[in-house]
Amino acid sequence: MIRNLRRAVRRAYRRTVDLSHPARSPLGSSVVNCVGYADGVRQVGNCLAEEALRRVRKENLAAPESNSFVWIGLHEPARDEFASLAELFGLHPLTVEDAVNAHRRAKVVQYDDTLLAVFKTVGYAEHDHLAATSQVVETGEITVITGRDFVITIRYGRHGSLGPLREALEAVPAQLGKGPSSVLHAIADFVVDEYLVVADAAQDDIEAVETAVFSEQAGRGDAGRIYQLKRELLEFKRAMSPLSRPLEALATQPAPLVDADIRPYFRDVCDHLARASEQVHAYDALLDSILQAHLAQMTFGQNEDMRKITAWAAIVAVPTMVCGVYGMNFDHMPELRWTYGYPAALTVIAVVCFVIHRGFRRNGWL
């Protein structure tokens, strides 16, 4: 069932545009969707939060065994916009604080009878050529607040739209009928799967840098690209690493707001997160090796240049020394009055320079 859900999400993403556009919402600039579900079946049309919650609670009173709930999707709400919803659902003040303030660490916390989950989302920034200033990883945030009869999702950032995920869940009523915890699992699974997608995409950039470093045209600009990749991977790790313990707790520890049938599915999400984490850490170690190799190449190239400079300085020292001696203008100099003194001095200089040059060539300095 989970595999079918993932396939449905991918198909939905391929055939849809960004479903977070506020024009779809009659409820305000930040509300994307407000829909009630009865036993996993979507009720007709969007409605106000008060009306949706009233219907859901009425259905739950009439049939206590049903898992009716309302799902409200928000996109970057302001504090005053979220205040009315917080009052309607009776949210804890700390829940409100975490919901309206982005850039939080990934975490899962229970406040009274609500469960707050913060997921850091990542997306791959497409670029034609990796430069020292290229952005590789885009980060965002999804906050999920679940209660016994409601789910509130708050998205920050341009990517990570939950519209396709909602449609995929609605296509599997048996899964959605397990209640708000099914939505929490689906979002966690979606976010972690995106980690794997971005990690695979970043591998192409790492391979491109590796090829450039070990090519004959390697230059000083490669160090900037390597540092940029390491900086982007660090942002990736900061978004991903804090999520491991909360997901493990959801998978292993009973929670009143997580359905017992949903809990085992979080173990699969933990496995995917571990795989993504290992992949990113391996990339980071590989970039360290590539950077060291690049610095070693730069050092080797500088040593080669210094050897050549030293060799030519030794060769030039011979005529400099001879000409310096004869430039003293003493009256009694060797061969000063000899007719062939000048050609003989030039010949000696040429022979000595040739011998020194040949010696350096044999030793690989020239």
Protein backbone atom coordinates (compact mmCIF):
# COMPACT_ATOMS: atom_id res chain seq x y z
CA MET A 1 0.00 0.00 0.00
CA ILE A 2 2.81 2.40 0.85
CA ARG A 3 4.56 1.68 -2.46
CA ASN A 4 1.34 2.37 -4.33
CA LEU A 5 0.99 5.63 -2.44
CA ARG A 6 4.52 6.68 -3.42
CA ARG A 7 3.85 5.88 -7.07
CA ALA A 8 0.66 7.90 -6.91
CA VAL A 9 2.52 10.88 -5.48
CA ARG A 10 5.09 10.76 -8.29
CA ARG A 11 2.36 10.51 -10.95
CA ALA A 12 0.51 13.42 -9.39
CA TYR A 13 3.64 15.56 -9.41
CA ARG A 14 4.23 14.84 -13.07
CA ARG A 15 0.74 15.84 -14.15
CA THR A 16 0.02 18.79 -11.84
CA VAL A 17 1.31 22.30 -11.31
CA ASP A 18 1.92 23.94 -7.97
CA LEU A 19 -1.31 23.45 -6.03
CA SER A 20 -0.41 25.95 -3.34
CA HIS A 21 -1.61 28.98 -5.25
CA PRO A 22 -3.78 31.10 -2.95
CA ALA A 23 -6.33 31.66 -5.72
CA ARG A 24 -7.68 28.17 -5.00
CA SER A 25 -8.70 29.20 -1.49
CA PRO A 26 -11.88 31.08 -0.56
CA LEU A 27 -10.62 31.28 3.03
CA GLY A 28 -7.79 33.78 2.91
CA SER A 29 -4.41 34.47 1.37
CA SER A 30 -2.55 31.78 3.33
CA VAL A 31 -5.14 28.95 3.35
CA VAL A 32 -4.64 26.52 0.49
CA ASN A 33 -7.26 23.91 1.31
CA CYS A 34 -9.75 23.11 4.05
CA VAL A 35 -11.39 19.73 3.49
CA GLY A 36 -13.21 17.28 5.71
CA TYR A 37 -12.75 13.51 5.42
CA ALA A 38 -15.10 10.78 6.59
CA ASP A 39 -13.54 7.31 6.76
CA GLY A 40 -10.94 8.36 4.22
CA VAL A 41 -13.42 9.81 1.74
CA ARG A 42 -13.20 13.49 0.87
CA GLN A 43 -16.31 15.53 1.49
CA VAL A 44 -17.49 17.72 -1.36
CA GLY A 45 -15.80 21.09 -1.83
CA ASN A 46 -13.78 23.49 0.32
CA CYS A 47 -15.44 25.11 3.29
CA LEU A 48 -14.65 27.38 6.20
CA ALA A 49 -12.65 25.88 9.05
CA GLU A 50 -15.50 26.36 11.54
CA GLU A 51 -17.98 24.61 9.27
CA ALA A 52 -15.60 21.75 8.43
CA LEU A 53 -14.76 21.14 12.09
CA ARG A 54 -18.43 21.26 13.09
CA ARG A 55 -19.34 18.65 10.46
CA VAL A 56 -16.47 16.36 11.43
CA ARG A 57 -17.24 16.44 15.14
CA LYS A 58 -20.91 15.89 14.45
CA GLU A 59 -20.05 12.79 12.40
CA ASN A 60 -17.70 11.49 15.11
CA LEU A 61 -20.42 11.90 17.74
CA ALA A 62 -22.92 10.06 15.57
CA ALA A 63 -20.44 7.26 14.75
CA PRO A 64 -17.63 7.06 17.35
CA GLU A 65 -15.88 4.29 15.43
CA SER A 66 -15.37 6.55 12.39
CA ASN A 67 -12.11 8.44 11.77
CA SER A 68 -13.50 11.70 10.42
CA PHE A 69 -11.18 14.67 10.47
CA VAL A 70 -10.52 17.99 8.79
CA TRP A 71 -7.29 18.81 6.95
CA ILE A 72 -6.33 22.46 6.61
CA GLY A 73 -3.37 23.41 4.44
CA LEU A 74 -1.64 26.76 4.95
CA HIS A 75 1.20 28.47 3.12
CA GLU A 76 3.37 30.94 5.08
CA PRO A 77 0.58 32.30 7.32
CA ALA A 78 0.99 35.50 9.29
CA ARG A 79 0.58 35.43 13.05
CA ASP A 80 -2.80 37.20 12.98
CA GLU A 81 -4.06 34.84 10.27
CA PHE A 82 -3.13 31.80 12.34
CA ALA A 83 -4.46 33.19 15.62
CA SER A 84 -8.13 32.50 14.75
CA LEU A 85 -7.34 28.91 13.78
CA ALA A 86 -5.34 28.41 16.97
CA GLU A 87 -8.31 29.60 19.01
CA LEU A 88 -10.74 27.44 17.05
CA PHE A 89 -8.73 24.25 17.54
CA GLY A 90 -7.54 25.12 21.03
CA LEU A 91 -3.85 24.92 20.23
CA HIS A 92 -1.18 25.26 22.90
CA PRO A 93 0.66 28.64 22.86
CA LEU A 94 3.98 26.86 22.21
CA THR A 95 2.40 25.12 19.23
CA VAL A 96 1.36 28.50 17.85
CA GLU A 97 4.86 29.87 18.45
CA ASP A 98 6.47 27.02 16.52
CA ALA A 99 3.88 27.18 13.74
CA VAL A 100 4.22 30.87 12.85
CA ASN A 101 8.01 31.07 13.21
CA ALA A 102 9.88 29.34 10.40
CA HIS A 103 13.51 28.16 10.43
CA ARG A 104 13.00 25.76 13.32
CA ARG A 105 14.89 22.50 13.80
CA ALA A 106 13.18 19.31 12.71
CA LYS A 107 11.37 17.86 15.71
CA VAL A 108 8.27 16.06 16.97
CA VAL A 109 6.72 17.36 20.22
CA GLN A 110 3.41 16.65 21.94
CA TYR A 111 1.53 19.57 23.53
CA ASP A 112 -1.58 18.57 25.49
CA ASP A 113 -3.78 16.69 23.01
CA THR A 114 -1.93 17.81 19.84
CA LEU A 115 1.21 16.53 18.17
CA LEU A 116 3.54 19.02 16.49
CA ALA A 117 5.98 17.79 13.83
CA VAL A 118 8.44 20.07 12.04
CA PHE A 119 10.06 18.75 8.86
CA LYS A 120 12.80 20.54 6.96
CA THR A 121 12.23 20.12 3.24
CA VAL A 122 14.93 20.22 0.57
CA GLY A 123 14.79 20.71 -3.16
CA TYR A 124 17.41 20.55 -5.89
CA ALA A 125 18.14 23.91 -7.53
CA GLU A 126 18.56 23.29 -11.24
CA HIS A 127 21.62 24.91 -12.85
CA ASP A 128 23.42 24.53 -16.16
CA HIS A 129 26.93 24.82 -14.74
CA LEU A 130 28.15 24.53 -11.18
CA ALA A 131 29.97 27.71 -10.14
CA ALA A 132 31.46 28.89 -6.87
CA THR A 133 28.20 30.75 -6.12
CA SER A 134 25.68 28.23 -7.45
CA GLN A 135 22.84 27.18 -5.18
CA VAL A 136 22.47 23.40 -5.15
CA VAL A 137 20.03 22.75 -2.30
CA GLU A 138 16.94 24.81 -1.55
CA THR A 139 15.46 24.40 1.92
CA GLY A 140 11.95 24.91 3.23
CA GLU A 141 9.79 23.76 6.08
CA ILE A 142 6.57 21.87 6.69
CA THR A 143 4.89 21.97 10.10
CA VAL A 144 2.23 19.36 10.80
CA ILE A 145 -0.14 19.79 13.75
CA THR A 146 -2.33 16.73 14.36
CA GLY A 147 -5.18 16.31 16.80
CA ARG A 148 -7.83 13.66 17.23
CA ASP A 149 -10.03 15.11 14.53
CA PHE A 150 -7.87 17.59 12.60
CA VAL A 151 -4.61 18.06 10.71
CA ILE A 152 -3.08 21.48 10.06
CA THR A 153 -0.15 21.63 7.63
CA ILE A 154 1.90 24.81 7.31
CA ARG A 155 4.37 25.08 4.45
CA TYR A 156 7.24 27.53 4.10
CA GLY A 157 9.26 27.87 0.90
CA ARG A 158 8.57 27.65 -2.82
CA HIS A 159 8.90 23.87 -3.13
CA GLY A 160 7.37 20.91 -1.35
CA SER A 161 3.74 21.48 -2.40
CA LEU A 162 1.42 19.02 -0.65
CA GLY A 163 -1.30 19.20 -3.30
CA PRO A 164 -0.14 16.08 -5.17
CA LEU A 165 0.34 14.26 -1.85
CA ARG A 166 -3.23 15.09 -0.83
CA GLU A 167 -4.55 13.77 -4.14
CA ALA A 168 -2.50 10.58 -3.81
CA LEU A 169 -3.81 10.00 -0.29
CA GLU A 170 -7.39 10.57 -1.42
CA ALA A 171 -6.85 7.84 -4.00
CA VAL A 172 -6.19 5.36 -1.14
CA PRO A 173 -9.18 5.79 1.23
CA ALA A 174 -8.19 2.75 3.29
CA GLN A 175 -4.95 4.46 4.29
CA LEU A 176 -6.47 7.89 4.78
CA GLY A 177 -9.27 6.34 6.82
CA LYS A 178 -6.85 5.57 9.64
CA GLY A 179 -7.08 9.18 10.72
CA PRO A 180 -4.76 12.20 11.05
CA SER A 181 -1.71 10.02 11.77
CA SER A 182 -1.93 8.66 8.21
CA VAL A 183 -1.41 12.21 6.94
CA LEU A 184 1.53 12.68 9.32
CA HIS A 185 3.17 9.50 8.02
CA ALA A 186 2.54 10.42 4.37
CA ILE A 187 4.17 13.82 4.82
CA ALA A 188 7.17 12.33 6.67
CA ASP A 189 7.56 9.73 3.93
CA PHE A 190 7.26 12.40 1.22
CA VAL A 191 9.88 14.65 2.85
CA VAL A 192 12.39 11.82 3.37
CA ASP A 193 11.91 10.53 -0.19
CA GLU A 194 12.76 14.03 -1.42
CA TYR A 195 16.02 13.76 0.55
CA LEU A 196 16.94 10.74 -1.55
CA VAL A 197 15.99 12.50 -4.78
CA VAL A 198 18.12 15.55 -3.94
CA ALA A 199 21.02 13.34 -2.82
CA ASP A 200 20.98 11.51 -6.16
CA ALA A 201 20.86 14.83 -8.04
CA ALA A 202 23.76 16.25 -6.03
CA GLN A 203 25.84 13.21 -6.98
CA ASP A 204 26.01 14.49 -10.58
CA ASP A 205 27.54 17.77 -9.37
CA ILE A 206 30.08 15.92 -7.24
CA GLU A 207 31.07 13.71 -10.17
CA ALA A 208 31.44 16.80 -12.39
CA VAL A 209 33.76 18.44 -9.84
CA GLU A 210 35.73 15.22 -9.42
CA THR A 211 36.21 14.91 -13.19
CA ALA A 212 37.32 18.54 -13.44
CA VAL A 213 39.85 18.21 -10.60
CA PHE A 214 41.55 15.19 -12.12
CA SER A 215 41.53 16.53 -15.67
CA GLU A 216 44.46 18.30 -17.32
CA GLN A 217 42.53 21.59 -17.30
CA ALA A 218 42.16 21.69 -13.51
CA GLY A 219 42.39 25.26 -12.23
CA ARG A 220 42.20 27.34 -9.11
CA GLY A 221 38.43 27.87 -9.53
CA ASP A 222 37.77 24.23 -8.70
CA ALA A 223 38.44 24.91 -5.01
CA GLY A 224 35.59 27.44 -4.94
CA ARG A 225 33.19 24.94 -6.46
CA ILE A 226 34.23 22.26 -3.97
CA TYR A 227 33.71 24.60 -1.02
CA GLN A 228 30.31 25.61 -2.41
CA LEU A 229 29.25 21.97 -2.66
CA LYS A 230 30.43 21.30 0.89
CA ARG A 231 28.48 24.33 2.12
CA GLU A 232 25.33 23.12 0.37
CA LEU A 233 25.77 19.60 1.78
CA LEU A 234 26.16 21.11 5.24
CA GLU A 235 22.79 22.83 4.80
CA PHE A 236 21.39 19.49 3.65
CA LYS A 237 22.71 17.71 6.75
CA ARG A 238 21.38 20.41 9.06
CA ALA A 239 17.90 19.88 7.60
CA MET A 240 18.06 16.09 7.72
CA SER A 241 20.05 14.99 10.78
CA PRO A 242 17.76 16.24 13.61
CA LEU A 243 14.87 14.21 12.17
CA SER A 244 16.27 10.76 12.97
CA ARG A 245 15.41 10.63 16.68
CA PRO A 246 11.83 11.98 16.34
CA LEU A 247 11.05 9.49 13.57
CA GLU A 248 12.53 6.65 15.59
CA ALA A 249 10.36 7.67 18.54
CA LEU A 250 7.24 7.66 16.34
CA ALA A 251 8.19 4.22 15.05
CA THR A 252 8.94 2.60 18.39
CA GLN A 253 7.10 4.45 21.16
CA PRO A 254 3.30 4.31 21.50
CA ALA A 255 1.64 7.70 21.13
CA PRO A 256 -2.07 8.42 21.71
CA LEU A 257 -2.33 10.46 18.50
CA VAL A 258 -0.60 7.88 16.26
CA ASP A 259 -2.69 4.95 15.12
CA ALA A 260 -1.19 1.58 16.03
CA ASP A 261 -1.53 0.43 12.41
CA ILE A 262 0.40 3.49 11.18
CA ARG A 263 3.32 3.21 13.64
CA PRO A 264 5.16 0.36 11.81
CA TYR A 265 5.22 2.43 8.63
CA PHE A 266 7.44 5.01 10.32
CA ARG A 267 10.17 2.33 10.51
CA ASP A 268 10.30 2.31 6.72
CA VAL A 269 10.66 6.10 6.78
CA CYS A 270 13.50 5.75 9.31
CA ASP A 271 15.28 3.31 6.98
CA HIS A 272 15.03 5.75 4.08
CA LEU A 273 16.29 8.58 6.27
CA ALA A 274 19.28 6.47 7.36
CA ARG A 275 20.06 5.71 3.73
CA ALA A 276 19.89 9.39 2.76
CA SER A 277 22.03 10.35 5.75
CA GLU A 278 24.69 7.77 4.89
CA GLN A 279 24.69 8.94 1.30
CA VAL A 280 25.17 12.60 2.21
CA HIS A 281 27.90 11.81 4.76
CA ALA A 282 29.68 9.73 2.11
CA TYR A 283 29.46 12.66 -0.31
CA ASP A 284 30.95 14.95 2.32
CA ALA A 285 33.86 12.57 2.90
CA LEU A 286 34.36 12.25 -0.86
CA LEU A 287 34.46 16.03 -1.22
CA ASP A 288 37.11 16.16 1.52
CA SER A 289 39.21 13.72 -0.50
CA ILE A 290 38.63 15.67 -3.71
CA LEU A 291 39.62 18.91 -1.99
CA GLN A 292 42.80 17.34 -0.59
CA ALA A 293 43.65 15.96 -4.02
CA HIS A 294 43.06 19.38 -5.56
CA LEU A 295 45.30 21.09 -2.99
CA ALA A 296 47.96 18.43 -3.54
CA GLN A 297 47.79 19.09 -7.27
CA MET A 298 48.14 22.81 -6.69
CA THR A 299 51.13 22.23 -4.39
CA PHE A 300 52.70 19.87 -6.91
CA GLY A 301 52.22 22.41 -9.68
CA GLN A 302 53.82 25.13 -7.57
CA ASN A 303 56.76 22.84 -6.79
CA GLU A 304 57.17 22.15 -10.49
CA ASP A 305 57.25 25.87 -11.19
CA MET A 306 59.80 26.45 -8.42
CA ARG A 307 62.05 23.70 -9.78
CA LYS A 308 62.00 25.22 -13.24
CA ILE A 309 62.71 28.67 -11.88
CA THR A 310 65.59 27.30 -9.79
CA ALA A 311 67.05 25.42 -12.77
CA TRP A 312 66.99 28.46 -15.04
CA ALA A 313 68.43 30.62 -12.26
CA ALA A 314 71.37 28.18 -11.97
CA ILE A 315 71.94 28.31 -15.73
CA VAL A 316 71.79 32.10 -15.85
CA ALA A 317 74.20 32.30 -12.89
CA VAL A 318 77.10 31.04 -15.07
CA PRO A 319 77.20 33.92 -17.60
CA THR A 320 76.35 36.34 -14.82
CA MET A 321 79.39 35.24 -12.81
CA VAL A 322 81.79 35.26 -15.78
CA CYS A 323 80.60 38.61 -17.08
CA GLY A 324 80.70 40.01 -13.57
CA VAL A 325 84.36 39.03 -13.18
CA TYR A 326 85.38 40.51 -16.51
CA GLY A 327 83.36 43.64 -15.81
CA MET A 328 85.69 44.67 -12.97
CA ASN A 329 88.06 46.41 -15.44
CA PHE A 330 91.32 45.38 -13.78
CA ASP A 331 94.50 45.84 -15.82
CA HIS A 332 95.74 42.34 -15.23
CA MET A 333 92.86 40.01 -16.16
CA PRO A 334 93.29 36.43 -17.57
CA GLU A 335 93.41 36.40 -21.35
CA LEU A 336 92.62 40.13 -21.46
CA ARG A 337 95.06 40.84 -24.27
CA TRP A 338 94.52 37.55 -26.13
CA THR A 339 92.89 37.84 -29.56
CA TYR A 340 90.61 34.85 -28.98
CA GLY A 341 89.83 35.67 -25.36
CA TYR A 342 86.35 37.00 -26.06
CA PRO A 343 85.17 34.03 -28.21
CA ALA A 344 86.79 31.63 -25.74
CA ALA A 345 84.88 33.15 -22.80
CA LEU A 346 81.59 32.90 -24.72
CA THR A 347 82.34 29.29 -25.64
CA VAL A 348 83.07 28.38 -22.03
CA ILE A 349 79.82 30.03 -20.92
CA ALA A 350 77.83 28.18 -23.59
CA VAL A 351 79.41 24.80 -22.78
CA VAL A 352 78.85 25.14 -19.04
CA CYS A 353 75.25 26.29 -19.53
CA PHE A 354 74.61 23.37 -21.89
CA VAL A 355 75.99 20.86 -19.40
CA ILE A 356 73.92 22.28 -16.56
CA HIS A 357 70.79 22.37 -18.73
CA ARG A 358 71.33 18.76 -19.76
CA GLY A 359 71.72 17.72 -16.16
CA PHE A 360 68.49 19.40 -15.15
CA ARG A 361 66.68 17.80 -18.09
CA ARG A 362 67.85 14.35 -17.02
CA ASN A 363 66.63 14.96 -13.49
CA GLY A 364 63.20 16.14 -14.71
CA TRP A 365 63.53 19.72 -13.55
CA LEU A 366 63.18 21.09 -17.08
